[in-house]
Amino acid sequence: MSFLASVLMATGGLIAVLAGVGILRFGTSLGRFHAAGKASPVAFLVAGAGAALALGWPQAAFLAVAQVAMVLTLPVGVHLLFRAVYHSNRPLHLVVDELRPAVQAGSADSLHDSHHQKEEHSP
C-alpha cells in the first residue's frame, strides 16, 4: 500500500470521527443531521480514494460506483429527514426560524388553490 493511500484512508477516518463527535455534541436533531450529512460523504470519498489507490483499477471502479451513489442519494435522504423533523410537532429550539414564513405562505397558497378548484367544479 502506498503512503498516499494510507494518508487518504486515515484522513477519511478522521473526518468520520469528527462527524461522530459532531453528532454527539450538537444539541438539536437538525444540527446532528447537518454533521452527519455533510461529513459522511466527504469521509467516504476521501477514504474511498485512498482505497482505490491501494486496490487498483478493477476495484476502484466498484468504489467509484459506490461513491457516485452516495453523493447522489445522501443529500436527498438528509433533506427528507430535515423535512420530517421540521414538520413534526416537537420543539426545535431555534433562535430564529427563517423557514416558518415560507411554510405558512405555502400552506395558505395550497388552501387558497384547493378552494378555487372546488369553486370551478361546482355547478
PDB file of N, CA and C in Angstrom:
ATOM      1  N   MET A   1       0.849  -1.170   0.000  1.00  0.00           N
ATOM      2  CA  MET A   1       0.000   0.000   0.000  1.00  0.00           C
ATOM      3  C   MET A   1       0.895   1.233   0.000  1.00  0.00           C
ATOM      4  N   SER A   2       0.526   2.205  -0.820  1.00  0.00           N
ATOM      5  CA  SER A   2       1.345   3.410  -0.914  1.00  0.00           C
ATOM      6  C   SER A   2       1.093   4.338   0.279  1.00  0.00           C
ATOM      7  N   PHE A   3       2.035   5.207   0.478  1.00  0.00           N
ATOM      8  CA  PHE A   3       1.921   6.166   1.579  1.00  0.00           C
ATOM      9  C   PHE A   3       0.728   7.094   1.372  1.00  0.00           C
ATOM     10  N   LEU A   4       0.497   7.542   0.136  1.00  0.00           N
ATOM     11  CA  LEU A   4      -0.616   8.433  -0.169  1.00  0.00           C
ATOM     12  C   LEU A   4      -1.955   7.756   0.114  1.00  0.00           C
ATOM     13  N   ALA A   5      -2.062   6.466  -0.236  1.00  0.00           N
ATOM     14  CA  ALA A   5      -3.294   5.728   0.048  1.00  0.00           C
ATOM     15  C   ALA A   5      -3.541   5.642   1.549  1.00  0.00           C
ATOM     16  N   SER A   6      -2.504   5.397   2.297  1.00  0.00           N
ATOM     17  CA  SER A   6      -2.640   5.324   3.758  1.00  0.00           C
ATOM     18  C   SER A   6      -3.067   6.662   4.346  1.00  0.00           C
ATOM     19  N   VAL A   7      -2.476   7.740   3.855  1.00  0.00           N
ATOM     20  CA  VAL A   7      -2.822   9.071   4.359  1.00  0.00           C
ATOM     21  C   VAL A   7      -4.274   9.405   4.032  1.00  0.00           C
ATOM     22  N   LEU A   8      -4.706   9.084   2.814  1.00  0.00           N
ATOM     23  CA  LEU A   8      -6.088   9.365   2.435  1.00  0.00           C
ATOM     24  C   LEU A   8      -7.078   8.560   3.270  1.00  0.00           C
ATOM     25  N   MET A   9      -6.802   7.290   3.494  1.00  0.00           N
ATOM     26  CA  MET A   9      -7.713   6.477   4.296  1.00  0.00           C
ATOM     27  C   MET A   9      -7.742   6.951   5.744  1.00  0.00           C
ATOM     28  N   ALA A  10      -6.598   7.329   6.289  1.00  0.00           N
ATOM     29  CA  ALA A  10      -6.564   7.838   7.656  1.00  0.00           C
ATOM     30  C   ALA A  10      -7.300   9.178   7.759  1.00  0.00           C
ATOM     31  N   THR A  11      -7.149  10.013   6.759  1.00  0.00           N
ATOM     32  CA  THR A  11      -7.851  11.298   6.747  1.00  0.00           C
ATOM     33  C   THR A  11      -9.358  11.082   6.671  1.00  0.00           C
ATOM     34  N   GLY A  12      -9.796  10.152   5.830  1.00  0.00           N
ATOM     35  CA  GLY A  12     -11.223   9.827   5.760  1.00  0.00           C
ATOM     36  C   GLY A  12     -11.747   9.316   7.088  1.00  0.00           C
ATOM     37  N   GLY A  13     -10.954   8.491   7.756  1.00  0.00           N
ATOM     38  CA  GLY A  13     -11.353   8.006   9.077  1.00  0.00           C
ATOM     39  C   GLY A  13     -11.436   9.125  10.096  1.00  0.00           C
ATOM     40  N   LEU A  14     -10.506  10.063  10.039  1.00  0.00           N
ATOM     41  CA  LEU A  14     -10.521  11.203  10.955  1.00  0.00           C
ATOM     42  C   LEU A  14     -11.753  12.082  10.711  1.00  0.00           C
ATOM     43  N   ILE A  15     -12.095  12.296   9.464  1.00  0.00           N
ATOM     44  CA  ILE A  15     -13.298  13.078   9.146  1.00  0.00           C
ATOM     45  C   ILE A  15     -14.540  12.367   9.676  1.00  0.00           C
ATOM     46  N   ALA A  16     -14.597  11.057   9.557  1.00  0.00           N
ATOM     47  CA  ALA A  16     -15.734  10.295  10.074  1.00  0.00           C
ATOM     48  C   ALA A  16     -15.815  10.400  11.594  1.00  0.00           C
ATOM     49  N   VAL A  17     -14.676  10.375  12.263  1.00  0.00           N
ATOM     50  CA  VAL A  17     -14.663  10.531  13.724  1.00  0.00           C
ATOM     51  C   VAL A  17     -15.158  11.923  14.110  1.00  0.00           C
ATOM     52  N   LEU A  18     -14.733  12.944  13.361  1.00  0.00           N
ATOM     53  CA  LEU A  18     -15.204  14.296  13.635  1.00  0.00           C
ATOM     54  C   LEU A  18     -16.712  14.411  13.426  1.00  0.00           C
ATOM     55  N   ALA A  19     -17.232  13.718  12.429  1.00  0.00           N
ATOM     56  CA  ALA A  19     -18.686  13.699  12.225  1.00  0.00           C
ATOM     57  C   ALA A  19     -19.383  13.056  13.419  1.00  0.00           C
ATOM     58  N   GLY A  20     -18.812  11.978  13.927  1.00  0.00           N
ATOM     59  CA  GLY A  20     -19.382  11.334  15.113  1.00  0.00           C
ATOM     60  C   GLY A  20     -19.359  12.235  16.321  1.00  0.00           C
ATOM     61  N   VAL A  21     -18.286  12.988  16.489  1.00  0.00           N
ATOM     62  CA  VAL A  21     -18.210  13.944  17.599  1.00  0.00           C
ATOM     63  C   VAL A  21     -19.270  15.028  17.422  1.00  0.00           C
ATOM     64  N   GLY A  22     -19.462  15.479  16.183  1.00  0.00           N
ATOM     65  CA  GLY A  22     -20.495  16.473  15.911  1.00  0.00           C
ATOM     66  C   GLY A  22     -21.882  15.955  16.231  1.00  0.00           C
ATOM     67  N   ILE A  23     -22.133  14.694  15.925  1.00  0.00           N
ATOM     68  CA  ILE A  23     -23.431  14.101  16.236  1.00  0.00           C
ATOM     69  C   ILE A  23     -23.652  14.073  17.745  1.00  0.00           C
ATOM     70  N   LEU A  24     -22.612  13.778  18.483  1.00  0.00           N
ATOM     71  CA  LEU A  24     -22.739  13.737  19.939  1.00  0.00           C
ATOM     72  C   LEU A  24     -22.817  15.123  20.569  1.00  0.00           C
ATOM     73  N   ARG A  25     -22.130  16.099  19.994  1.00  0.00           N
ATOM     74  CA  ARG A  25     -22.023  17.419  20.613  1.00  0.00           C
ATOM     75  C   ARG A  25     -23.203  18.335  20.310  1.00  0.00           C
ATOM     76  N   PHE A  26     -23.755  18.250  19.108  1.00  0.00           N
ATOM     77  CA  PHE A  26     -24.847  19.155  18.761  1.00  0.00           C
ATOM     78  C   PHE A  26     -26.093  18.781  19.540  1.00  0.00           C
ATOM     79  N   GLY A  27     -26.815  19.806  19.997  1.00  0.00           N
ATOM     80  CA  GLY A  27     -27.951  19.576  20.869  1.00  0.00           C
ATOM     81  C   GLY A  27     -29.272  19.337  20.161  1.00  0.00           C
ATOM     82  N   THR A  28     -29.378  19.759  18.912  1.00  0.00           N
ATOM     83  CA  THR A  28     -30.651  19.606  18.210  1.00  0.00           C
ATOM     84  C   THR A  28     -30.527  18.538  17.128  1.00  0.00           C
ATOM     85  N   SER A  29     -31.663  17.998  16.758  1.00  0.00           N
ATOM     86  CA  SER A  29     -31.646  16.986  15.705  1.00  0.00           C
ATOM     87  C   SER A  29     -31.214  17.583  14.374  1.00  0.00           C
ATOM     88  N   LEU A  30     -31.547  18.843  14.120  1.00  0.00           N
ATOM     89  CA  LEU A  30     -31.125  19.480  12.867  1.00  0.00           C
ATOM     90  C   LEU A  30     -29.609  19.626  12.810  1.00  0.00           C
ATOM     91  N   GLY A  31     -28.996  19.975  13.920  1.00  0.00           N
ATOM     92  CA  GLY A  31     -27.539  20.062  13.972  1.00  0.00           C
ATOM     93  C   GLY A  31     -26.877  18.711  13.792  1.00  0.00           C
ATOM     94  N   ARG A  32     -27.483  17.698  14.366  1.00  0.00           N
ATOM     95  CA  ARG A  32     -26.934  16.345  14.221  1.00  0.00           C
ATOM     96  C   ARG A  32     -27.028  15.858  12.787  1.00  0.00           C
ATOM     97  N   PHE A  33     -28.167  16.127  12.132  1.00  0.00           N
ATOM     98  CA  PHE A  33     -28.295  15.758  10.721  1.00  0.00           C
ATOM     99  C   PHE A  33     -27.272  16.496   9.877  1.00  0.00           C
ATOM    100  N   HIS A  34     -27.020  17.758  10.214  1.00  0.00           N
ATOM    101  CA  HIS A  34     -26.051  18.547   9.462  1.00  0.00           C
ATOM    102  C   HIS A  34     -24.654  17.942   9.580  1.00  0.00           C
ATOM    103  N   ALA A  35     -24.271  17.577  10.789  1.00  0.00           N
ATOM    104  CA  ALA A  35     -22.943  16.990  10.996  1.00  0.00           C
ATOM    105  C   ALA A  35     -22.809  15.671  10.241  1.00  0.00           C
ATOM    106  N   ALA A  36     -23.812  14.845  10.324  1.00  0.00           N
ATOM    107  CA  ALA A  36     -23.747  13.546   9.650  1.00  0.00           C
ATOM    108  C   ALA A  36     -23.869  13.688   8.140  1.00  0.00           C
ATOM    109  N   GLY A  37     -24.732  14.569   7.687  1.00  0.00           N
ATOM    110  CA  GLY A  37     -24.986  14.703   6.256  1.00  0.00           C
ATOM    111  C   GLY A  37     -23.874  15.355   5.481  1.00  0.00           C
ATOM    112  N   LYS A  38     -23.112  16.214   6.125  1.00  0.00           N
ATOM    113  CA  LYS A  38     -22.015  16.887   5.430  1.00  0.00           C
ATOM    114  C   LYS A  38     -20.716  16.092   5.493  1.00  0.00           C
ATOM    115  N   ALA A  39     -20.399  15.552   6.637  1.00  0.00           N
ATOM    116  CA  ALA A  39     -19.093  14.918   6.817  1.00  0.00           C
ATOM    117  C   ALA A  39     -19.050  13.483   6.310  1.00  0.00           C
ATOM    118  N   SER A  40     -20.145  12.764   6.370  1.00  0.00           N
ATOM    119  CA  SER A  40     -20.120  11.356   5.961  1.00  0.00           C
ATOM    120  C   SER A  40     -19.731  11.149   4.507  1.00  0.00           C
ATOM    121  N   PRO A  41     -20.333  11.863   3.558  1.00  0.00           N
ATOM    122  CA  PRO A  41     -19.907  11.636   2.176  1.00  0.00           C
ATOM    123  C   PRO A  41     -18.478  12.088   1.909  1.00  0.00           C
ATOM    124  N   VAL A  42     -18.053  13.164   2.571  1.00  0.00           N
ATOM    125  CA  VAL A  42     -16.670  13.625   2.382  1.00  0.00           C
ATOM    126  C   VAL A  42     -15.700  12.571   2.909  1.00  0.00           C
ATOM    127  N   ALA A  43     -16.011  12.028   4.085  1.00  0.00           N
ATOM    128  CA  ALA A  43     -15.154  10.987   4.662  1.00  0.00           C
ATOM    129  C   ALA A  43     -15.107   9.769   3.750  1.00  0.00           C
ATOM    130  N   PHE A  44     -16.245   9.374   3.211  1.00  0.00           N
ATOM    131  CA  PHE A  44     -16.291   8.212   2.331  1.00  0.00           C
ATOM    132  C   PHE A  44     -15.534   8.468   1.031  1.00  0.00           C
ATOM    133  N   LEU A  45     -15.656   9.677   0.481  1.00  0.00           N
ATOM    134  CA  LEU A  45     -14.938   9.992  -0.754  1.00  0.00           C
ATOM    135  C   LEU A  45     -13.426   9.981  -0.544  1.00  0.00           C
ATOM    136  N   VAL A  46     -12.979  10.564   0.546  1.00  0.00           N
ATOM    137  CA  VAL A  46     -11.529  10.616   0.814  1.00  0.00           C
ATOM    138  C   VAL A  46     -10.988   9.222   1.107  1.00  0.00           C
ATOM    139  N   ALA A  47     -11.672   8.478   1.975  1.00  0.00           N
ATOM    140  CA  ALA A  47     -11.208   7.117   2.285  1.00  0.00           C
ATOM    141  C   ALA A  47     -11.322   6.213   1.063  1.00  0.00           C
ATOM    142  N   GLY A  48     -12.372   6.405   0.266  1.00  0.00           N
ATOM    143  CA  GLY A  48     -12.525   5.610  -0.956  1.00  0.00           C
ATOM    144  C   GLY A  48     -11.441   5.896  -1.976  1.00  0.00           C
ATOM    145  N   ALA A  49     -10.995   7.151  -2.048  1.00  0.00           N
ATOM    146  CA  ALA A  49      -9.896   7.486  -2.959  1.00  0.00           C
ATOM    147  C   ALA A  49      -8.616   6.778  -2.515  1.00  0.00           C
ATOM    148  N   GLY A  50      -8.385   6.746  -1.207  1.00  0.00           N
ATOM    149  CA  GLY A  50      -7.214   6.017  -0.706  1.00  0.00           C
ATOM    150  C   GLY A  50      -7.315   4.532  -0.958  1.00  0.00           C
ATOM    151  N   ALA A  51      -8.502   3.972  -0.756  1.00  0.00           N
ATOM    152  CA  ALA A  51      -8.686   2.544  -1.013  1.00  0.00           C
ATOM    153  C   ALA A  51      -8.535   2.223  -2.492  1.00  0.00           C
ATOM    154  N   ALA A  52      -9.012   3.117  -3.352  1.00  0.00           N
ATOM    155  CA  ALA A  52      -8.872   2.900  -4.793  1.00  0.00           C
ATOM    156  C   ALA A  52      -7.403   2.895  -5.201  1.00  0.00           C
ATOM    157  N   LEU A  53      -6.614   3.779  -4.603  1.00  0.00           N
ATOM    158  CA  LEU A  53      -5.177   3.773  -4.895  1.00  0.00           C
ATOM    159  C   LEU A  53      -4.520   2.474  -4.429  1.00  0.00           C
ATOM    160  N   ALA A  54      -4.974   1.971  -3.312  1.00  0.00           N
ATOM    161  CA  ALA A  54      -4.357   0.763  -2.758  1.00  0.00           C
ATOM    162  C   ALA A  54      -4.791  -0.496  -3.494  1.00  0.00           C
ATOM    163  N   LEU A  55      -6.041  -0.529  -4.002  1.00  0.00           N
ATOM    164  CA  LEU A  55      -6.581  -1.759  -4.577  1.00  0.00           C
ATOM    165  C   LEU A  55      -6.345  -1.913  -6.070  1.00  0.00           C
ATOM    166  N   GLY A  56      -6.256  -0.839  -6.790  1.00  0.00           N
ATOM    167  CA  GLY A  56      -6.056  -0.936  -8.231  1.00  0.00           C
ATOM    168  C   GLY A  56      -7.327  -0.619  -9.000  1.00  0.00           C
ATOM    169  N   TRP A  57      -7.213  -0.674 -10.337  1.00  0.00           N
ATOM    170  CA  TRP A  57      -8.290  -0.222 -11.219  1.00  0.00           C
ATOM    171  C   TRP A  57      -9.593  -1.019 -11.129  1.00  0.00           C
ATOM    172  N   PRO A  58      -9.581  -2.336 -11.162  1.00  0.00           N
ATOM    173  CA  PRO A  58     -10.882  -3.047 -11.155  1.00  0.00           C
ATOM    174  C   PRO A  58     -11.710  -2.752  -9.899  1.00  0.00           C
ATOM    175  N   GLN A  59     -11.089  -2.773  -8.741  1.00  0.00           N
ATOM    176  CA  GLN A  59     -11.809  -2.485  -7.503  1.00  0.00           C
ATOM    177  C   GLN A  59     -12.129  -0.993  -7.381  1.00  0.00           C
ATOM    178  N   ALA A  60     -11.284  -0.149  -7.958  1.00  0.00           N
ATOM    179  CA  ALA A  60     -11.544   1.289  -7.940  1.00  0.00           C
ATOM    180  C   ALA A  60     -12.827   1.624  -8.694  1.00  0.00           C
ATOM    181  N   ALA A  61     -13.139   0.859  -9.735  1.00  0.00           N
ATOM    182  CA  ALA A  61     -14.382   1.087 -10.477  1.00  0.00           C
ATOM    183  C   ALA A  61     -15.592   0.814  -9.589  1.00  0.00           C
ATOM    184  N   PHE A  62     -15.546  -0.255  -8.788  1.00  0.00           N
ATOM    185  CA  PHE A  62     -16.640  -0.542  -7.863  1.00  0.00           C
ATOM    186  C   PHE A  62     -16.771   0.558  -6.804  1.00  0.00           C
ATOM    187  N   LEU A  63     -15.644   1.032  -6.316  1.00  0.00           N
ATOM    188  CA  LEU A  63     -15.669   2.123  -5.339  1.00  0.00           C
ATOM    189  C   LEU A  63     -16.230   3.396  -5.959  1.00  0.00           C
ATOM    190  N   ALA A  64     -15.896   3.652  -7.212  1.00  0.00           N
ATOM    191  CA  ALA A  64     -16.411   4.851  -7.877  1.00  0.00           C
ATOM    192  C   ALA A  64     -17.927   4.788  -8.006  1.00  0.00           C
ATOM    193  N   VAL A  65     -18.468   3.618  -8.312  1.00  0.00           N
ATOM    194  CA  VAL A  65     -19.926   3.464  -8.398  1.00  0.00           C
ATOM    195  C   VAL A  65     -20.563   3.722  -7.035  1.00  0.00           C
ATOM    196  N   ALA A  66     -19.970   3.186  -5.979  1.00  0.00           N
ATOM    197  CA  ALA A  66     -20.492   3.402  -4.632  1.00  0.00           C
ATOM    198  C   ALA A  66     -20.391   4.878  -4.243  1.00  0.00           C
ATOM    199  N   GLN A  67     -19.298   5.529  -4.609  1.00  0.00           N
ATOM    200  CA  GLN A  67     -19.136   6.940  -4.270  1.00  0.00           C
ATOM    201  C   GLN A  67     -20.154   7.805  -5.003  1.00  0.00           C
ATOM    202  N   VAL A  68     -20.388   7.522  -6.264  1.00  0.00           N
ATOM    203  CA  VAL A  68     -21.381   8.287  -7.020  1.00  0.00           C
ATOM    204  C   VAL A  68     -22.773   8.070  -6.422  1.00  0.00           C
ATOM    205  N   ALA A  69     -23.091   6.831  -6.077  1.00  0.00           N
ATOM    206  CA  ALA A  69     -24.403   6.557  -5.480  1.00  0.00           C
ATOM    207  C   ALA A  69     -24.571   7.304  -4.159  1.00  0.00           C
ATOM    208  N   MET A  70     -23.534   7.346  -3.360  1.00  0.00           N
ATOM    209  CA  MET A  70     -23.634   8.038  -2.079  1.00  0.00           C
ATOM    210  C   MET A  70     -23.769   9.541  -2.266  1.00  0.00           C
ATOM    211  N   VAL A  71     -23.022  10.103  -3.173  1.00  0.00           N
ATOM    212  CA  VAL A  71     -23.084  11.547  -3.411  1.00  0.00           C
ATOM    213  C   VAL A  71     -24.454  11.946  -3.981  1.00  0.00           C
ATOM    214  N   LEU A  72     -25.069  11.074  -4.752  1.00  0.00           N
ATOM    215  CA  LEU A  72     -26.380  11.392  -5.325  1.00  0.00           C
ATOM    216  C   LEU A  72     -27.529  11.168  -4.347  1.00  0.00           C
ATOM    217  N   THR A  73     -27.434  10.172  -3.485  1.00  0.00           N
ATOM    218  CA  THR A  73     -28.575   9.821  -2.640  1.00  0.00           C
ATOM    219  C   THR A  73     -28.522  10.413  -1.237  1.00  0.00           C
ATOM    220  N   LEU A  74     -27.366  10.617  -0.663  1.00  0.00           N
ATOM    221  CA  LEU A  74     -27.295  11.088   0.715  1.00  0.00           C
ATOM    222  C   LEU A  74     -27.883  12.481   0.912  1.00  0.00           C
ATOM    223  N   PRO A  75     -27.615  13.452   0.048  1.00  0.00           N
ATOM    224  CA  PRO A  75     -28.240  14.763   0.264  1.00  0.00           C
ATOM    225  C   PRO A  75     -29.768  14.707   0.225  1.00  0.00           C
ATOM    226  N   VAL A  76     -30.321  13.886  -0.641  1.00  0.00           N
ATOM    227  CA  VAL A  76     -31.778  13.760  -0.715  1.00  0.00           C
ATOM    228  C   VAL A  76     -32.319  13.135   0.569  1.00  0.00           C
ATOM    229  N   GLY A  77     -31.661  12.106   1.061  1.00  0.00           N
ATOM    230  CA  GLY A  77     -32.099  11.458   2.294  1.00  0.00           C
ATOM    231  C   GLY A  77     -32.016  12.388   3.491  1.00  0.00           C
ATOM    232  N   VAL A  78     -30.941  13.152   3.593  1.00  0.00           N
ATOM    233  CA  VAL A  78     -30.791  14.082   4.707  1.00  0.00           C
ATOM    234  C   VAL A  78     -31.838  15.193   4.598  1.00  0.00           C
ATOM    235  N   HIS A  79     -32.114  15.658   3.389  1.00  0.00           N
ATOM    236  CA  HIS A  79     -33.135  16.685   3.201  1.00  0.00           C
ATOM    237  C   HIS A  79     -34.505  16.173   3.648  1.00  0.00           C
ATOM    238  N   LEU A  80     -34.829  14.941   3.309  1.00  0.00           N
ATOM    239  CA  LEU A  80     -36.115  14.384   3.731  1.00  0.00           C
ATOM    240  C   LEU A  80     -36.181  14.215   5.244  1.00  0.00           C
ATOM    241  N   LEU A  81     -35.072  13.853   5.868  1.00  0.00           N
ATOM    242  CA  LEU A  81     -35.051  13.780   7.323  1.00  0.00           C
ATOM    243  C   LEU A  81     -35.230  15.161   7.949  1.00  0.00           C
ATOM    244  N   PHE A  82     -34.579  16.179   7.383  1.00  0.00           N
ATOM    245  CA  PHE A  82     -34.772  17.542   7.859  1.00  0.00           C
ATOM    246  C   PHE A  82     -36.249  17.933   7.789  1.00  0.00           C
ATOM    247  N   ARG A  83     -36.877  17.647   6.648  1.00  0.00           N
ATOM    248  CA  ARG A  83     -38.292  18.000   6.487  1.00  0.00           C
ATOM    249  C   ARG A  83     -39.169  17.277   7.490  1.00  0.00           C
ATOM    250  N   ALA A  84     -38.904  16.001   7.694  1.00  0.00           N
ATOM    251  CA  ALA A  84     -39.718  15.230   8.636  1.00  0.00           C
ATOM    252  C   ALA A  84     -39.593  15.782  10.048  1.00  0.00           C
ATOM    253  N   VAL A  85     -38.378  16.115  10.454  1.00  0.00           N
ATOM    254  CA  VAL A  85     -38.180  16.659  11.795  1.00  0.00           C
ATOM    255  C   VAL A  85     -38.793  18.058  11.896  1.00  0.00           C
ATOM    256  N   TYR A  86     -38.625  18.860  10.874  1.00  0.00           N
ATOM    257  CA  TYR A  86     -39.157  20.223  10.918  1.00  0.00           C
ATOM    258  C   TYR A  86     -40.680  20.220  11.010  1.00  0.00           C
ATOM    259  N   HIS A  87     -41.329  19.332  10.281  1.00  0.00           N
ATOM    260  CA  HIS A  87     -42.789  19.297  10.266  1.00  0.00           C
ATOM    261  C   HIS A  87     -43.389  18.463  11.394  1.00  0.00           C
ATOM    262  N   SER A  88     -42.558  17.860  12.213  1.00  0.00           N
ATOM    263  CA  SER A  88     -43.085  17.159  13.377  1.00  0.00           C
ATOM    264  C   SER A  88     -43.499  18.198  14.419  1.00  0.00           C
ATOM    265  N   ASN A  89     -44.188  17.784  15.410  1.00  0.00           N
ATOM    266  CA  ASN A  89     -44.681  18.726  16.417  1.00  0.00           C
ATOM    267  C   ASN A  89     -43.734  18.856  17.602  1.00  0.00           C
ATOM    268  N   ARG A  90     -42.490  18.473  17.434  1.00  0.00           N
ATOM    269  CA  ARG A  90     -41.520  18.576  18.519  1.00  0.00           C
ATOM    270  C   ARG A  90     -40.844  19.941  18.466  1.00  0.00           C
ATOM    271  N   PRO A  91     -40.518  20.526  19.621  1.00  0.00           N
ATOM    272  CA  PRO A  91     -39.832  21.824  19.614  1.00  0.00           C
ATOM    273  C   PRO A  91     -38.413  21.691  19.063  1.00  0.00           C
ATOM    274  N   LEU A  92     -38.019  22.655  18.238  1.00  0.00           N
ATOM    275  CA  LEU A  92     -36.701  22.605  17.598  1.00  0.00           C
ATOM    276  C   LEU A  92     -35.668  23.452  18.312  1.00  0.00           C
ATOM    277  N   HIS A  93     -36.078  24.329  19.215  1.00  0.00           N
ATOM    278  CA  HIS A  93     -35.172  25.192  19.974  1.00  0.00           C
ATOM    279  C   HIS A  93     -34.328  26.062  19.047  1.00  0.00           C
ATOM    280  N   LEU A  94     -34.970  26.632  18.033  1.00  0.00           N
ATOM    281  CA  LEU A  94     -34.277  27.516  17.110  1.00  0.00           C
ATOM    282  C   LEU A  94     -34.346  28.949  17.622  1.00  0.00           C
ATOM    283  N   VAL A  95     -33.262  29.693  17.465  1.00  0.00           N
ATOM    284  CA  VAL A  95     -33.249  31.098  17.868  1.00  0.00           C
ATOM    285  C   VAL A  95     -34.081  31.902  16.871  1.00  0.00           C
ATOM    286  N   VAL A  96     -33.834  31.704  15.582  1.00  0.00           N
ATOM    287  CA  VAL A  96     -34.590  32.357  14.526  1.00  0.00           C
ATOM    288  C   VAL A  96     -35.025  31.262  13.551  1.00  0.00           C
ATOM    289  N   ASP A  97     -36.309  31.200  13.293  1.00  0.00           N
ATOM    290  CA  ASP A  97     -36.844  30.215  12.354  1.00  0.00           C
ATOM    291  C   ASP A  97     -37.151  30.931  11.042  1.00  0.00           C
ATOM    292  N   GLU A  98     -36.212  30.892  10.116  1.00  0.00           N
ATOM    293  CA  GLU A  98     -36.376  31.595   8.844  1.00  0.00           C
ATOM    294  C   GLU A  98     -37.267  30.839   7.868  1.00  0.00           C
ATOM    295  N   LEU A  99     -37.539  29.595   8.137  1.00  0.00           N
ATOM    296  CA  LEU A  99     -38.349  28.796   7.221  1.00  0.00           C
ATOM    297  C   LEU A  99     -39.846  28.930   7.494  1.00  0.00           C
ATOM    298  N   ARG A 100     -40.229  29.293   8.711  1.00  0.00           N
ATOM    299  CA  ARG A 100     -41.639  29.324   9.109  1.00  0.00           C
ATOM    300  C   ARG A 100     -42.492  30.206   8.200  1.00  0.00           C
ATOM    301  N   PRO A 101     -42.077  31.443   7.846  1.00  0.00           N
ATOM    302  CA  PRO A 101     -42.932  32.259   6.971  1.00  0.00           C
ATOM    303  C   PRO A 101     -43.169  31.612   5.608  1.00  0.00           C
ATOM    304  N   ALA A 102     -42.162  30.962   5.065  1.00  0.00           N
ATOM    305  CA  ALA A 102     -42.336  30.312   3.766  1.00  0.00           C
ATOM    306  C   ALA A 102     -43.268  29.113   3.868  1.00  0.00           C
ATOM    307  N   VAL A 103     -43.151  28.363   4.951  1.00  0.00           N
ATOM    308  CA  VAL A 103     -44.035  27.207   5.149  1.00  0.00           C
ATOM    309  C   VAL A 103     -45.469  27.679   5.326  1.00  0.00           C
ATOM    310  N   GLN A 104     -45.664  28.742   6.107  1.00  0.00           N
ATOM    311  CA  GLN A 104     -47.014  29.260   6.309  1.00  0.00           C
ATOM    312  C   GLN A 104     -47.586  29.833   5.021  1.00  0.00           C
ATOM    313  N   ALA A 105     -46.762  30.517   4.235  1.00  0.00           N
ATOM    314  CA  ALA A 105     -47.230  31.047   2.960  1.00  0.00           C
ATOM    315  C   ALA A 105     -47.581  29.917   2.004  1.00  0.00           C
ATOM    316  N   GLY A 106     -46.784  28.862   2.001  1.00  0.00           N
ATOM    317  CA  GLY A 106     -47.085  27.713   1.148  1.00  0.00           C
ATOM    318  C   GLY A 106     -48.361  27.024   1.563  1.00  0.00           C
ATOM    319  N   SER A 107     -48.619  26.932   2.861  1.00  0.00           N
ATOM    320  CA  SER A 107     -49.862  26.326   3.350  1.00  0.00           C
ATOM    321  C   SER A 107     -51.057  27.173   2.955  1.00  0.00           C
ATOM    322  N   ALA A 108     -50.917  28.487   3.065  1.00  0.00           N
ATOM    323  CA  ALA A 108     -52.021  29.375   2.694  1.00  0.00           C
ATOM    324  C   ALA A 108     -52.282  29.303   1.197  1.00  0.00           C
ATOM    325  N   ASP A 109     -51.214  29.224   0.386  1.00  0.00           N
ATOM    326  CA  ASP A 109     -51.386  29.114  -1.061  1.00  0.00           C
ATOM    327  C   ASP A 109     -52.076  27.815  -1.437  1.00  0.00           C
ATOM    328  N   SER A 110     -51.700  26.718  -0.803  1.00  0.00           N
ATOM    329  CA  SER A 110     -52.314  25.437  -1.150  1.00  0.00           C
ATOM    330  C   SER A 110     -53.780  25.403  -0.732  1.00  0.00           C
ATOM    331  N   LEU A 111     -54.120  26.021   0.408  1.00  0.00           N
ATOM    332  CA  LEU A 111     -55.521  26.096   0.817  1.00  0.00           C
ATOM    333  C   LEU A 111     -56.305  26.977  -0.142  1.00  0.00           C
ATOM    334  N   HIS A 112     -55.709  28.083  -0.553  1.00  0.00           N
ATOM    335  CA  HIS A 112     -56.359  29.002  -1.483  1.00  0.00           C
ATOM    336  C   HIS A 112     -56.600  28.309  -2.829  1.00  0.00           C
ATOM    337  N   ASP A 113     -55.612  27.575  -3.345  1.00  0.00           N
ATOM    338  CA  ASP A 113     -55.745  26.875  -4.618  1.00  0.00           C
ATOM    339  C   ASP A 113     -56.814  25.792  -4.551  1.00  0.00           C
ATOM    340  N   SER A 114     -56.854  25.023  -3.467  1.00  0.00           N
ATOM    341  CA  SER A 114     -57.844  23.953  -3.365  1.00  0.00           C
ATOM    342  C   SER A 114     -59.248  24.536  -3.256  1.00  0.00           C
ATOM    343  N   HIS A 115     -59.408  25.710  -2.627  1.00  0.00           N
ATOM    344  CA  HIS A 115     -60.711  26.355  -2.519  1.00  0.00           C
ATOM    345  C   HIS A 115     -61.187  26.792  -3.906  1.00  0.00           C
ATOM    346  N   HIS A 116     -60.270  27.356  -4.721  1.00  0.00           N
ATOM    347  CA  HIS A 116     -60.634  27.780  -6.072  1.00  0.00           C
ATOM    348  C   HIS A 116     -60.965  26.598  -6.960  1.00  0.00           C
ATOM    349  N   GLN A 117     -60.279  25.494  -6.804  1.00  0.00           N
ATOM    350  CA  GLN A 117     -60.579  24.308  -7.602  1.00  0.00           C
ATOM    351  C   GLN A 117     -61.962  23.785  -7.305  1.00  0.00           C
ATOM    352  N   LYS A 118     -62.392  23.833  -6.041  1.00  0.00           N
ATOM    353  CA  LYS A 118     -63.729  23.387  -5.682  1.00  0.00           C
ATOM    354  C   LYS A 118     -64.787  24.286  -6.282  1.00  0.00           C
ATOM    355  N   GLU A 119     -64.530  25.621  -6.310  1.00  0.00           N
ATOM    356  CA  GLU A 119     -65.488  26.544  -6.880  1.00  0.00           C
ATOM    357  C   GLU A 119     -65.622  26.368  -8.375  1.00  0.00           C
ATOM    358  N   GLU A 120     -64.514  26.063  -9.072  1.00  0.00           N
ATOM    359  CA  GLU A 120     -64.560  25.900 -10.519  1.00  0.00           C
ATOM    360  C   GLU A 120     -65.354  24.660 -10.905  1.00  0.00           C
ATOM    361  N   HIS A 121     -65.316  23.605 -10.106  1.00  0.00           N
ATOM    362  CA  HIS A 121     -66.010  22.370 -10.435  1.00  0.00           C
ATOM    363  C   HIS A 121     -67.453  22.363  -9.968  1.00  0.00           C
ATOM    364  N   SER A 122     -67.878  23.376  -9.209  1.00  0.00           N
ATOM    365  CA  SER A 122     -69.256  23.428  -8.728  1.00  0.00           C
ATOM    366  C   SER A 122     -70.193  23.858  -9.839  1.00  0.00           C
ATOM    367  N   PRO A 123     -71.418  23.292  -9.906  1.00  0.00           N
ATOM    368  CA  PRO A 123     -72.373  23.708 -10.971  1.00  0.00           C
ATOM    369  C   PRO A 123     -73.015  25.032 -10.679  1.00  0.00           C
TER     370      PRO A 123
END
